[in-house]
């Protein structure tokens, strides 16, 4: 979320949550394991683990509306 920056977090106004998708072109066809991480969580930082398939493009939907930062790990499994 581009609105989530140190100045806005400190001075306001509150960051508006956004939804959407991430599209990654030129990804080798196959299955991928995707882990969404909450970098602020001290316990259980993984929000969601899913398997997605690429046919040359990998399209990922955000697991929830995003008001702050979110990390992602992508592993090719096939």
Protein backbone atom coordinates (compact mmCIF):
# COMPACT_ATOMS: atom_id res chain seq x y z
CA UNK A 1 0.00 0.00 0.00
CA UNK A 2 1.77 3.14 -1.19
CA UNK A 3 -0.04 5.24 1.42
CA UNK A 4 1.61 3.26 4.23
CA UNK A 5 4.74 5.33 4.86
CA UNK A 6 6.37 6.60 8.04
CA UNK A 7 5.07 10.18 7.68
CA UNK A 8 1.43 9.18 7.17
CA UNK A 9 1.56 6.57 9.92
CA UNK A 10 2.93 9.15 12.38
CA UNK A 11 1.01 12.26 11.28
CA UNK A 12 -2.16 10.74 9.75
CA UNK A 13 -4.65 10.59 8.30
CA UNK A 14 -5.26 6.86 8.71
CA UNK A 15 -4.13 4.69 5.81
CA UNK A 16 -6.99 3.44 3.63
CA UNK A 17 -6.87 -0.33 2.99
CA UNK A 18 -6.63 -1.45 -0.64
CA UNK A 19 -7.45 -4.73 -2.39
CA UNK A 20 -6.07 -6.00 -5.65
CA UNK A 21 -3.91 -8.44 -7.53
CA UNK A 22 -0.24 -8.76 -8.36
CA UNK A 23 0.54 -9.91 -11.91
CA UNK A 24 4.00 -11.30 -12.65
CA UNK A 25 4.69 -11.86 -16.37
CA UNK A 26 7.30 -14.24 -17.82
CA UNK A 27 7.03 -16.80 -15.01
CA UNK A 28 7.96 -20.38 -15.90
CA UNK A 29 4.87 -22.58 -16.23
CA UNK A 30 4.26 -24.78 -13.21
CA UNK A 31 2.91 -24.85 -9.67
CA UNK A 32 4.10 -22.41 -7.04
CA UNK A 33 3.75 -22.29 -3.28
CA UNK A 34 2.94 -18.78 -2.11
CA UNK A 35 3.33 -17.66 1.51
CA UNK A 36 1.93 -14.31 2.62
CA UNK A 37 3.75 -12.92 5.68
CA UNK A 38 2.81 -10.28 8.26
CA UNK A 39 6.16 -8.61 9.05
CA UNK A 40 4.75 -7.12 12.27
CA UNK A 41 3.63 -10.43 13.81
CA UNK A 42 5.98 -11.82 16.44
CA UNK A 43 4.21 -15.18 16.50
CA UNK A 44 2.57 -16.99 13.59
CA UNK A 45 3.67 -14.52 10.92
CA UNK A 46 2.26 -16.57 8.01
CA UNK A 47 -1.17 -15.29 7.01
CA UNK A 48 -1.88 -17.70 4.16
CA UNK A 49 -0.16 -20.48 2.23
CA UNK A 50 -1.59 -21.36 -1.16
CA UNK A 51 -0.66 -23.16 -4.37
CA UNK A 52 -1.05 -21.29 -7.64
CA UNK A 53 -0.41 -22.36 -11.21
CA UNK A 54 1.42 -20.29 -13.81
CA UNK A 55 0.89 -20.61 -17.55
CA UNK A 56 3.53 -17.96 -18.21
CA UNK A 57 1.94 -15.35 -15.95
CA UNK A 58 1.48 -15.61 -12.21
CA UNK A 59 -1.57 -13.74 -10.87
CA UNK A 60 -1.88 -13.41 -7.11
CA UNK A 61 -4.83 -11.89 -5.25
CA UNK A 62 -4.05 -10.13 -1.99
CA UNK A 63 -5.28 -12.33 0.88
CA UNK A 64 -7.10 -9.37 2.48
CA UNK A 65 -7.43 -5.61 2.16
CA UNK A 66 -3.99 -4.17 2.77
CA UNK A 67 -3.46 -1.16 5.04
CA UNK A 68 0.19 -1.76 5.94
CA UNK A 69 3.10 -3.90 4.75
CA UNK A 70 2.93 -7.50 3.64
CA UNK A 71 5.71 -9.90 2.75
CA UNK A 72 5.52 -12.70 0.21
CA UNK A 73 7.61 -15.79 -0.54
CA UNK A 74 7.13 -17.72 -3.78
CA UNK A 75 8.59 -21.20 -4.31
CA UNK A 76 8.32 -23.28 -7.49
CA UNK A 77 7.14 -26.78 -6.52
CA UNK A 78 6.72 -28.32 -10.02
